[in-house]
Amino acid sequence: MSTKQVNVDILLSLGFTVVSPTKHNESVSLDCSGVDQYGDPVVQATVYPNQAGTWSVSLDGGFLAPAYENEDILIKRLDEEFPGWR
């Protein structure tokens, strides 16, 4: 079962930083370490509760299944869609 903390921990291990307060049943926003020419994060991830009662990851508003089940897909998607995120 996908938990909030597992998904947050994976994103933290990839260099993301938490930018929103963390509460048990609320979404968590994280910024990547890479920035664009304006100094803004290349991509923001949000870990949020889904309708199945588990937690999912959204990258700049797009849905992605739980990160712990798809860590390789997550990294590949970040590399392909958000160059400079690292």
Protein backbone atom coordinates (compact mmCIF):
# COMPACT_ATOMS: atom_id res chain seq x y z
CA MET A 1 0.00 0.00 0.00
CA SER A 2 1.33 3.40 -0.98
CA THR A 3 1.82 5.71 1.96
CA LYS A 4 2.39 9.41 2.08
CA GLN A 5 5.75 9.04 3.80
CA VAL A 6 7.09 6.45 1.34
CA ASN A 7 6.33 8.73 -1.60
CA VAL A 8 7.77 11.80 0.15
CA ASP A 9 10.91 9.87 1.11
CA ILE A 10 11.48 8.79 -2.51
CA LEU A 11 11.16 12.34 -3.76
CA LEU A 12 13.48 13.59 -1.00
CA SER A 13 16.03 10.94 -2.02
CA LEU A 14 15.89 12.37 -5.56
CA GLY A 15 16.80 15.83 -4.28
CA PHE A 16 13.35 17.37 -3.89
CA THR A 17 12.64 19.61 -0.89
CA VAL A 18 9.36 20.03 0.97
CA VAL A 19 7.81 23.47 0.43
CA SER A 20 4.45 23.04 2.12
CA PRO A 21 3.51 22.23 5.69
CA THR A 22 3.01 18.52 6.29
CA LYS A 23 -0.11 17.26 8.05
CA HIS A 24 -1.29 13.66 8.25
CA ASN A 25 -4.16 13.83 5.74
CA GLU A 26 -3.03 16.68 3.53
CA SER A 27 -1.05 16.90 0.32
CA VAL A 28 2.65 17.72 0.41
CA SER A 29 4.33 19.91 -2.22
CA LEU A 30 7.99 19.44 -3.07
CA ASP A 31 10.27 21.37 -5.41
CA CYS A 32 13.07 19.80 -7.42
CA SER A 33 16.60 21.11 -6.97
CA GLY A 34 16.93 22.28 -10.60
CA VAL A 35 15.78 25.78 -11.49
CA ASP A 36 14.90 27.48 -14.76
CA GLN A 37 16.24 30.78 -16.11
CA TYR A 38 13.90 32.70 -13.77
CA GLY A 39 15.05 30.85 -10.65
CA ASP A 40 11.85 28.82 -10.35
CA PRO A 41 11.88 25.04 -9.82
CA VAL A 42 11.85 23.09 -13.08
CA VAL A 43 9.14 20.83 -11.66
CA GLN A 44 7.01 20.64 -8.53
CA ALA A 45 5.73 17.34 -7.20
CA THR A 46 2.66 16.94 -5.04
CA VAL A 47 1.99 13.85 -2.95
CA TYR A 48 -1.77 13.62 -2.46
CA PRO A 49 -4.41 11.19 -1.15
CA ASN A 50 -6.26 9.47 -3.98
CA GLN A 51 -9.75 7.99 -4.11
CA ALA A 52 -8.40 4.48 -3.51
CA GLY A 53 -7.27 5.52 -0.05
CA THR A 54 -3.56 5.47 -0.92
CA TRP A 55 -1.19 8.25 -1.99
CA SER A 56 -0.17 9.31 -5.48
CA VAL A 57 2.28 11.77 -7.02
CA SER A 58 1.47 14.62 -9.38
CA LEU A 59 4.21 16.28 -11.41
CA ASP A 60 3.19 19.84 -12.33
CA GLY A 61 -0.46 18.82 -12.21
CA GLY A 62 -0.21 15.55 -14.15
CA PHE A 63 -1.19 12.28 -12.46
CA LEU A 64 1.38 9.62 -11.70
CA ALA A 65 0.85 6.37 -9.83
CA PRO A 66 2.51 5.85 -6.45
CA ALA A 67 6.22 6.65 -6.72
CA TYR A 68 7.34 3.63 -4.73
CA GLU A 69 5.79 1.31 -7.30
CA ASN A 70 7.16 3.27 -10.24
CA GLU A 71 10.45 4.84 -9.10
CA ASP A 72 12.23 4.01 -12.36
CA ILE A 73 9.29 5.34 -14.37
CA LEU A 74 9.26 8.45 -12.20
CA ILE A 75 12.96 9.14 -12.88
CA LYS A 76 12.53 8.42 -16.61
CA ARG A 77 9.53 10.74 -16.81
CA LEU A 78 11.38 13.49 -14.95
CA ASP A 79 14.37 13.13 -17.29
CA GLU A 80 12.22 13.16 -20.43
CA GLU A 81 9.64 15.81 -19.55
CA PHE A 82 11.53 18.07 -17.17
CA PRO A 83 15.15 18.40 -18.33
CA GLY A 84 17.23 20.14 -15.70
CA TRP A 85 15.19 18.89 -12.73
CA ARG A 86 18.27 17.49 -10.99
